[in-house]
Amino acid sequence: SNYFRDLTKMIYKERVNNNYMEITSINQL
């Protein structure tokens, strides 16, 4: 559980750092 939680955090951080986030609303653009 801790492994997957840390992995998820790492992936999210990488996406933010690379300006990639899932866009679910046009208002995010």
ModelCIF file with pLDDT and N, C-alpha, C, O atoms, coordinates in Angstrom:
data_MODEL
#
_entry.id   MODEL 
#
_entity.id                         1 
_entity.type                       polymer 
_entity.pdbx_number_of_molecules   1 
#
_entity_poly.entity_id                      1 
_entity_poly.type                           'polypeptide(L)' 
_entity_poly.nstd_linkage                   no 
_entity_poly.nstd_monomer                   no 
_entity_poly.pdbx_seq_one_letter_code       SNYFRDLTKMIYKERVNNNYMEITSINQL 
_entity_poly.pdbx_seq_one_letter_code_can   SNYFRDLTKMIYKERVNNNYMEITSINQL 
_entity_poly.pdbx_strand_id                 A 
#
loop_
_entity_poly_seq.entity_id 
_entity_poly_seq.num 
_entity_poly_seq.mon_id 
_entity_poly_seq.hetero 
1 1  SER n 
1 2  ASN n 
1 3  TYR n 
1 4  PHE n 
1 5  ARG n 
1 6  ASP n 
1 7  LEU n 
1 8  THR n 
1 9  LYS n 
1 10 MET n 
1 11 ILE n 
1 12 TYR n 
1 13 LYS n 
1 14 GLU n 
1 15 ARG n 
1 16 VAL n 
1 17 ASN n 
1 18 ASN n 
1 19 ASN n 
1 20 TYR n 
1 21 MET n 
1 22 GLU n 
1 23 ILE n 
1 24 THR n 
1 25 SER n 
1 26 ILE n 
1 27 ASN n 
1 28 GLN n 
1 29 LEU n 
#
_struct_asym.id          A 
_struct_asym.entity_id   1 
#
loop_
_ma_qa_metric.id 
_ma_qa_metric.mode 
_ma_qa_metric.name 
_ma_qa_metric.software_group_id 
_ma_qa_metric.type 
1 global pLDDT . pLDDT 
2 local  pLDDT . pLDDT 
#
_ma_qa_metric_global.metric_id      1 
_ma_qa_metric_global.metric_value   57.79 
_ma_qa_metric_global.model_id       1 
_ma_qa_metric_global.ordinal_id     1 
#
loop_
_ma_qa_metric_local.label_asym_id 
_ma_qa_metric_local.label_comp_id 
_ma_qa_metric_local.label_seq_id 
_ma_qa_metric_local.metric_id 
_ma_qa_metric_local.metric_value 
_ma_qa_metric_local.model_id 
_ma_qa_metric_local.ordinal_id 
A SER 1  2 46.00 1 1  
A ASN 2  2 50.00 1 2  
A TYR 3  2 45.00 1 3  
A PHE 4  2 40.00 1 4  
A ARG 5  2 42.00 1 5  
A ASP 6  2 48.00 1 6  
A LEU 7  2 39.00 1 7  
A THR 8  2 36.00 1 8  
A LYS 9  2 38.00 1 9  
A MET 10 2 44.00 1 10 
A ILE 11 2 37.00 1 11 
A TYR 12 2 34.00 1 12 
A LYS 13 2 41.00 1 13 
A GLU 14 2 44.00 1 14 
A ARG 15 2 43.00 1 15 
A VAL 16 2 39.00 1 16 
A ASN 17 2 46.00 1 17 
A ASN 18 2 50.00 1 18 
A ASN 19 2 54.00 1 19 
A TYR 20 2 58.00 1 20 
A MET 21 2 70.00 1 21 
A GLU 22 2 80.00 1 22 
A ILE 23 2 91.00 1 23 
A THR 24 2 93.00 1 24 
A SER 25 2 93.00 1 25 
A ILE 26 2 94.00 1 26 
A ASN 27 2 93.00 1 27 
A GLN 28 2 93.00 1 28 
A LEU 29 2 95.00 1 29 
#
loop_
_atom_site.group_PDB 
_atom_site.id 
_atom_site.type_symbol 
_atom_site.label_atom_id 
_atom_site.label_alt_id 
_atom_site.label_comp_id 
_atom_site.label_asym_id 
_atom_site.label_entity_id 
_atom_site.label_seq_id 
_atom_site.pdbx_PDB_ins_code 
_atom_site.Cartn_x 
_atom_site.Cartn_y 
_atom_site.Cartn_z 
_atom_site.occupancy 
_atom_site.B_iso_or_equiv 
_atom_site.pdbx_formal_charge 
_atom_site.auth_seq_id 
_atom_site.auth_comp_id 
_atom_site.auth_asym_id 
_atom_site.auth_atom_id 
_atom_site.pdbx_PDB_model_num 
ATOM 1   N N  . SER A 1 1  ? 0.844   -1.213 0.000   1.00 46.00 ? 1  SER A N  1 
ATOM 2   C CA . SER A 1 1  ? 0.000   0.000  0.000   1.00 46.00 ? 1  SER A CA 1 
ATOM 3   C C  . SER A 1 1  ? 0.868   1.247  0.000   1.00 46.00 ? 1  SER A C  1 
ATOM 4   O O  . SER A 1 1  ? 0.590   2.196  -0.733  1.00 46.00 ? 1  SER A O  1 
ATOM 5   N N  . ASN A 1 2  ? 1.926   1.256  0.822   1.00 50.00 ? 2  ASN A N  1 
ATOM 6   C CA . ASN A 1 2  ? 2.833   2.407  0.841   1.00 50.00 ? 2  ASN A CA 1 
ATOM 7   C C  . ASN A 1 2  ? 3.601   2.531  -0.470  1.00 50.00 ? 2  ASN A C  1 
ATOM 8   O O  . ASN A 1 2  ? 3.851   3.634  -0.957  1.00 50.00 ? 2  ASN A O  1 
ATOM 9   N N  . TYR A 1 3  ? 3.976   1.366  -1.039  1.00 45.00 ? 3  TYR A N  1 
ATOM 10  C CA . TYR A 1 3  ? 4.718   1.365  -2.311  1.00 45.00 ? 3  TYR A CA 1 
ATOM 11  C C  . TYR A 1 3  ? 3.904   2.032  -3.411  1.00 45.00 ? 3  TYR A C  1 
ATOM 12  O O  . TYR A 1 3  ? 4.402   2.903  -4.124  1.00 45.00 ? 3  TYR A O  1 
ATOM 13  N N  . PHE A 1 4  ? 2.648   1.613  -3.540  1.00 40.00 ? 4  PHE A N  1 
ATOM 14  C CA . PHE A 1 4  ? 1.822   2.160  -4.613  1.00 40.00 ? 4  PHE A CA 1 
ATOM 15  C C  . PHE A 1 4  ? 1.458   3.619  -4.348  1.00 40.00 ? 4  PHE A C  1 
ATOM 16  O O  . PHE A 1 4  ? 1.312   4.410  -5.280  1.00 40.00 ? 4  PHE A O  1 
ATOM 17  N N  . ARG A 1 5  ? 1.314   3.969  -3.061  1.00 42.00 ? 5  ARG A N  1 
ATOM 18  C CA . ARG A 1 5  ? 1.039   5.370  -2.744  1.00 42.00 ? 5  ARG A CA 1 
ATOM 19  C C  . ARG A 1 5  ? 2.227   6.241  -3.134  1.00 42.00 ? 5  ARG A C  1 
ATOM 20  O O  . ARG A 1 5  ? 2.054   7.310  -3.719  1.00 42.00 ? 5  ARG A O  1 
ATOM 21  N N  . ASP A 1 6  ? 3.420   5.786  -2.814  1.00 48.00 ? 6  ASP A N  1 
ATOM 22  C CA . ASP A 1 6  ? 4.627   6.547  -3.160  1.00 48.00 ? 6  ASP A CA 1 
ATOM 23  C C  . ASP A 1 6  ? 4.829   6.597  -4.675  1.00 48.00 ? 6  ASP A C  1 
ATOM 24  O O  . ASP A 1 6  ? 5.267   7.608  -5.224  1.00 48.00 ? 6  ASP A O  1 
ATOM 25  N N  . LEU A 1 7  ? 4.498   5.479  -5.341  1.00 39.00 ? 7  LEU A N  1 
ATOM 26  C CA . LEU A 1 7  ? 4.641   5.446  -6.800  1.00 39.00 ? 7  LEU A CA 1 
ATOM 27  C C  . LEU A 1 7  ? 3.687   6.434  -7.456  1.00 39.00 ? 7  LEU A C  1 
ATOM 28  O O  . LEU A 1 7  ? 4.048   7.145  -8.393  1.00 39.00 ? 7  LEU A O  1 
ATOM 29  N N  . THR A 1 8  ? 2.469   6.461  -6.947  1.00 36.00 ? 8  THR A N  1 
ATOM 30  C CA . THR A 1 8  ? 1.483   7.398  -7.479  1.00 36.00 ? 8  THR A CA 1 
ATOM 31  C C  . THR A 1 8  ? 1.950   8.839  -7.292  1.00 36.00 ? 8  THR A C  1 
ATOM 32  O O  . THR A 1 8  ? 1.832   9.652  -8.208  1.00 36.00 ? 8  THR A O  1 
ATOM 33  N N  . LYS A 1 9  ? 2.476   9.158  -6.117  1.00 38.00 ? 9  LYS A N  1 
ATOM 34  C CA . LYS A 1 9  ? 2.977   10.503 -5.864  1.00 38.00 ? 9  LYS A CA 1 
ATOM 35  C C  . LYS A 1 9  ? 4.107   10.852 -6.820  1.00 38.00 ? 9  LYS A C  1 
ATOM 36  O O  . LYS A 1 9  ? 4.185   11.973 -7.322  1.00 38.00 ? 9  LYS A O  1 
ATOM 37  N N  . MET A 1 10 ? 4.987   9.878  -7.068  1.00 44.00 ? 10 MET A N  1 
ATOM 38  C CA . MET A 1 10 ? 6.134   10.123 -7.939  1.00 44.00 ? 10 MET A CA 1 
ATOM 39  C C  . MET A 1 10 ? 5.670   10.404 -9.377  1.00 44.00 ? 10 MET A C  1 
ATOM 40  O O  . MET A 1 10 ? 6.182   11.308 -10.036 1.00 44.00 ? 10 MET A O  1 
ATOM 41  N N  . ILE A 1 11 ? 4.692   9.616  -9.852  1.00 37.00 ? 11 ILE A N  1 
ATOM 42  C CA . ILE A 1 11 ? 4.188   9.810  -11.213 1.00 37.00 ? 11 ILE A CA 1 
ATOM 43  C C  . ILE A 1 11 ? 3.510   11.168 -11.331 1.00 37.00 ? 11 ILE A C  1 
ATOM 44  O O  . ILE A 1 11 ? 3.706   11.892 -12.307 1.00 37.00 ? 11 ILE A O  1 
ATOM 45  N N  . TYR A 1 12 ? 2.696   11.509 -10.306 1.00 34.00 ? 12 TYR A N  1 
ATOM 46  C CA . TYR A 1 12 ? 2.010   12.797 -10.337 1.00 34.00 ? 12 TYR A CA 1 
ATOM 47  C C  . TYR A 1 12 ? 3.013   13.950 -10.362 1.00 34.00 ? 12 TYR A C  1 
ATOM 48  O O  . TYR A 1 12 ? 2.849   14.913 -11.112 1.00 34.00 ? 12 TYR A O  1 
ATOM 49  N N  . LYS A 1 13 ? 4.056   13.839 -9.530  1.00 41.00 ? 13 LYS A N  1 
ATOM 50  C CA . LYS A 1 13 ? 5.067   14.891 -9.480  1.00 41.00 ? 13 LYS A CA 1 
ATOM 51  C C  . LYS A 1 13 ? 5.769   15.027 -10.829 1.00 41.00 ? 13 LYS A C  1 
ATOM 52  O O  . LYS A 1 13 ? 6.035   16.139 -11.286 1.00 41.00 ? 13 LYS A O  1 
ATOM 53  N N  . GLU A 1 14 ? 6.068   13.897 -11.463 1.00 44.00 ? 14 GLU A N  1 
ATOM 54  C CA . GLU A 1 14 ? 6.738   13.925 -12.760 1.00 44.00 ? 14 GLU A CA 1 
ATOM 55  C C  . GLU A 1 14 ? 5.854   14.603 -13.805 1.00 44.00 ? 14 GLU A C  1 
ATOM 56  O O  . GLU A 1 14 ? 6.333   15.384 -14.626 1.00 44.00 ? 14 GLU A O  1 
ATOM 57  N N  . ARG A 1 15 ? 4.558   14.292 -13.763 1.00 43.00 ? 15 ARG A N  1 
ATOM 58  C CA . ARG A 1 15 ? 3.644   14.894 -14.727 1.00 43.00 ? 15 ARG A CA 1 
ATOM 59  C C  . ARG A 1 15 ? 3.552   16.402 -14.528 1.00 43.00 ? 15 ARG A C  1 
ATOM 60  O O  . ARG A 1 15 ? 3.554   17.163 -15.496 1.00 43.00 ? 15 ARG A O  1 
ATOM 61  N N  . VAL A 1 16 ? 3.470   16.827 -13.275 1.00 39.00 ? 16 VAL A N  1 
ATOM 62  C CA . VAL A 1 16 ? 3.400   18.257 -13.000 1.00 39.00 ? 16 VAL A CA 1 
ATOM 63  C C  . VAL A 1 16 ? 4.674   18.944 -13.467 1.00 39.00 ? 16 VAL A C  1 
ATOM 64  O O  . VAL A 1 16 ? 4.620   20.001 -14.096 1.00 39.00 ? 16 VAL A O  1 
ATOM 65  N N  . ASN A 1 17 ? 5.819   18.345 -13.160 1.00 46.00 ? 17 ASN A N  1 
ATOM 66  C CA . ASN A 1 17 ? 7.105   18.943 -13.548 1.00 46.00 ? 17 ASN A CA 1 
ATOM 67  C C  . ASN A 1 17 ? 7.256   19.034 -15.057 1.00 46.00 ? 17 ASN A C  1 
ATOM 68  O O  . ASN A 1 17 ? 7.956   19.913 -15.559 1.00 46.00 ? 17 ASN A O  1 
ATOM 69  N N  . ASN A 1 18 ? 6.609   18.135 -15.782 1.00 50.00 ? 18 ASN A N  1 
ATOM 70  C CA . ASN A 1 18 ? 6.687   18.147 -17.238 1.00 50.00 ? 18 ASN A CA 1 
ATOM 71  C C  . ASN A 1 18 ? 5.466   18.805 -17.867 1.00 50.00 ? 18 ASN A C  1 
ATOM 72  O O  . ASN A 1 18 ? 5.197   18.638 -19.056 1.00 50.00 ? 18 ASN A O  1 
ATOM 73  N N  . ASN A 1 19 ? 4.724   19.564 -17.041 1.00 54.00 ? 19 ASN A N  1 
ATOM 74  C CA . ASN A 1 19 ? 3.541   20.282 -17.514 1.00 54.00 ? 19 ASN A CA 1 
ATOM 75  C C  . ASN A 1 19 ? 2.502   19.369 -18.143 1.00 54.00 ? 19 ASN A C  1 
ATOM 76  O O  . ASN A 1 19 ? 1.789   19.773 -19.061 1.00 54.00 ? 19 ASN A O  1 
ATOM 77  N N  . TYR A 1 20 ? 2.414   18.128 -17.648 1.00 58.00 ? 20 TYR A N  1 
ATOM 78  C CA . TYR A 1 20 ? 1.398   17.218 -18.153 1.00 58.00 ? 20 TYR A CA 1 
ATOM 79  C C  . TYR A 1 20 ? 0.429   16.886 -17.033 1.00 58.00 ? 20 TYR A C  1 
ATOM 80  O O  . TYR A 1 20 ? 0.813   16.303 -16.019 1.00 58.00 ? 20 TYR A O  1 
ATOM 81  N N  . MET A 1 21 ? -0.808  17.255 -17.219 1.00 70.00 ? 21 MET A N  1 
ATOM 82  C CA . MET A 1 21 ? -1.861  16.862 -16.303 1.00 70.00 ? 21 MET A CA 1 
ATOM 83  C C  . MET A 1 21 ? -3.089  16.535 -17.146 1.00 70.00 ? 21 MET A C  1 
ATOM 84  O O  . MET A 1 21 ? -3.287  17.112 -18.215 1.00 70.00 ? 21 MET A O  1 
ATOM 85  N N  . GLU A 1 22 ? -3.895  15.626 -16.669 1.00 80.00 ? 22 GLU A N  1 
ATOM 86  C CA . GLU A 1 22 ? -5.101  15.278 -17.402 1.00 80.00 ? 22 GLU A CA 1 
ATOM 87  C C  . GLU A 1 22 ? -6.024  16.491 -17.450 1.00 80.00 ? 22 GLU A C  1 
ATOM 88  O O  . GLU A 1 22 ? -6.301  17.119 -16.428 1.00 80.00 ? 22 GLU A O  1 
ATOM 89  N N  . ILE A 1 23 ? -6.493  16.809 -18.650 1.00 91.00 ? 23 ILE A N  1 
ATOM 90  C CA . ILE A 1 23 ? -7.354  17.968 -18.838 1.00 91.00 ? 23 ILE A CA 1 
ATOM 91  C C  . ILE A 1 23 ? -8.796  17.477 -18.945 1.00 91.00 ? 23 ILE A C  1 
ATOM 92  O O  . ILE A 1 23 ? -9.172  16.851 -19.935 1.00 91.00 ? 23 ILE A O  1 
ATOM 93  N N  . THR A 1 24 ? -9.589  17.760 -17.935 1.00 93.00 ? 24 THR A N  1 
ATOM 94  C CA . THR A 1 24 ? -10.978 17.308 -17.906 1.00 93.00 ? 24 THR A CA 1 
ATOM 95  C C  . THR A 1 24 ? -11.976 18.450 -18.078 1.00 93.00 ? 24 THR A C  1 
ATOM 96  O O  . THR A 1 24 ? -13.182 18.220 -18.166 1.00 93.00 ? 24 THR A O  1 
ATOM 97  N N  . SER A 1 25 ? -11.474 19.665 -18.124 1.00 93.00 ? 25 SER A N  1 
ATOM 98  C CA . SER A 1 25 ? -12.324 20.836 -18.321 1.00 93.00 ? 25 SER A CA 1 
ATOM 99  C C  . SER A 1 25 ? -11.612 21.816 -19.240 1.00 93.00 ? 25 SER A C  1 
ATOM 100 O O  . SER A 1 25 ? -10.404 22.027 -19.128 1.00 93.00 ? 25 SER A O  1 
ATOM 101 N N  . ILE A 1 26 ? -12.369 22.407 -20.142 1.00 94.00 ? 26 ILE A N  1 
ATOM 102 C CA . ILE A 1 26 ? -11.766 23.387 -21.048 1.00 94.00 ? 26 ILE A CA 1 
ATOM 103 C C  . ILE A 1 26 ? -11.223 24.580 -20.280 1.00 94.00 ? 26 ILE A C  1 
ATOM 104 O O  . ILE A 1 26 ? -10.341 25.284 -20.771 1.00 94.00 ? 26 ILE A O  1 
ATOM 105 N N  . ASN A 1 27 ? -11.743 24.814 -19.078 1.00 93.00 ? 27 ASN A N  1 
ATOM 106 C CA . ASN A 1 27 ? -11.285 25.942 -18.271 1.00 93.00 ? 27 ASN A CA 1 
ATOM 107 C C  . ASN A 1 27 ? -9.852  25.767 -17.761 1.00 93.00 ? 27 ASN A C  1 
ATOM 108 O O  . ASN A 1 27 ? -9.257  26.715 -17.248 1.00 93.00 ? 27 ASN A O  1 
ATOM 109 N N  . GLN A 1 28 ? -9.296  24.552 -17.901 1.00 93.00 ? 28 GLN A N  1 
ATOM 110 C CA . GLN A 1 28 ? -7.905  24.325 -17.531 1.00 93.00 ? 28 GLN A CA 1 
ATOM 111 C C  . GLN A 1 28 ? -6.937  24.815 -18.607 1.00 93.00 ? 28 GLN A C  1 
ATOM 112 O O  . GLN A 1 28 ? -5.727  24.858 -18.385 1.00 93.00 ? 28 GLN A O  1 
ATOM 113 N N  . LEU A 1 29 ? -7.468  25.180 -19.760 1.00 95.00 ? 29 LEU A N  1 
ATOM 114 C CA . LEU A 1 29 ? -6.624  25.597 -20.874 1.00 95.00 ? 29 LEU A CA 1 
ATOM 115 C C  . LEU A 1 29 ? -6.597  27.118 -20.979 1.00 95.00 ? 29 LEU A C  1 
ATOM 116 O O  . LEU A 1 29 ? -5.935  27.664 -21.862 1.00 95.00 ? 29 LEU A O  1 
#
